[in-house]
Each structure stands twice: as C-alpha cells, then as structure tokens.
Amino acid sequence: MAAEKVAYSLEELQARQHLWRQAIAPLETISSSSELYGLVQGKLLSYRVRLHVVNQQIFTEEK
C-alpha cells in the first residue's frame, strides 16, 4: 500500500504544530535522574521529528 500524501491547510498545519509543541514541552522538563527519562527521550525524539515535518510543511505552504 502506497503512502498517501495528504494536503492540509495552513491553519490545520499550525494547529498540528501547536499540539506537537504542547506535547513536547512537559517532556522536556523530565530530569535525567528520573526513572522515566529513558522512555521520555524516545518519545521526545519521535515528537520532535513530527514537529519538524509539520514545520517543513508550513514553510512550503507559506512560500
């Protein structure tokens, strides 16, 4: 099955960007001494990659 490329409006992309930032912010506050730190780092990487993709889509849309 081929991956479909879905077009989103600028407003939708900005809403997604906001949600990813909201998801990332509390995870960034987890201390390296916390037992959750390892789990959080994996999630942070994934979430930051997704935020980066949305940022790129916004950049492209704004051109």
Protein backbone atom coordinates (compact mmCIF):
# COMPACT_ATOMS: atom_id res chain seq x y z
CA MET A 1 0.00 0.00 0.00
CA ALA A 2 1.46 3.35 -1.05
CA ALA A 3 1.60 6.14 1.48
CA GLU A 4 -0.83 8.90 0.61
CA LYS A 5 0.29 12.48 0.75
CA VAL A 6 -2.48 14.47 2.41
CA ALA A 7 -2.77 18.20 1.82
CA TYR A 8 -3.58 20.30 4.86
CA SER A 9 -4.48 23.96 5.03
CA LEU A 10 -2.08 26.36 6.68
CA GLU A 11 -4.49 26.66 9.62
CA GLU A 12 -4.55 22.88 10.09
CA LEU A 13 -0.78 22.71 9.93
CA GLN A 14 -0.44 25.49 12.50
CA ALA A 15 -2.90 23.68 14.79
CA ARG A 16 -0.82 20.49 14.47
CA GLN A 17 2.33 22.47 15.17
CA HIS A 18 0.77 23.88 18.33
CA LEU A 19 -0.32 20.42 19.51
CA TRP A 20 3.15 18.93 18.96
CA ARG A 21 4.70 21.82 20.90
CA GLN A 22 2.22 21.24 23.73
CA ALA A 23 3.15 17.54 23.78
CA ILE A 24 6.88 18.24 23.74
CA ALA A 25 7.07 20.96 26.41
CA PRO A 26 6.27 18.85 29.51
CA LEU A 27 8.52 16.02 28.34
CA GLU A 28 11.46 18.41 28.13
CA THR A 29 11.12 19.10 31.86
CA ILE A 30 11.79 15.46 32.86
CA SER A 31 15.10 15.30 34.69
CA SER A 32 17.85 12.93 33.58
CA SER A 33 17.71 11.48 37.10
CA SER A 34 14.07 10.47 36.67
CA GLU A 35 13.26 6.81 36.10
CA LEU A 36 11.06 7.97 33.21
CA TYR A 37 13.92 9.74 31.43
CA GLY A 38 14.76 6.87 29.06
CA LEU A 39 11.17 6.44 27.95
CA VAL A 40 10.71 10.18 27.57
CA GLN A 41 13.80 10.58 25.38
CA GLY A 42 12.40 8.14 22.82
CA LYS A 43 9.08 9.95 22.76
CA LEU A 44 10.78 13.34 22.54
CA LEU A 45 12.78 12.28 19.50
CA SER A 46 9.66 10.98 17.78
CA TYR A 47 7.62 14.07 18.64
CA ARG A 48 10.40 16.44 17.53
CA VAL A 49 10.66 14.63 14.19
CA ARG A 50 6.91 15.01 13.70
CA LEU A 51 7.09 18.70 14.67
CA HIS A 52 9.92 19.17 12.18
CA VAL A 53 7.80 17.61 9.42
CA VAL A 54 4.92 19.97 10.24
CA ASN A 55 7.33 22.93 10.31
CA GLN A 56 8.59 21.96 6.86
CA GLN A 57 5.02 21.66 5.57
CA ILE A 58 4.21 25.13 6.95
CA PHE A 59 7.34 26.55 5.35
CA THR A 60 6.36 25.04 2.00
CA GLU A 61 2.76 26.24 2.32
CA GLU A 62 3.87 29.80 3.14
CA LYS A 63 6.05 30.05 0.01
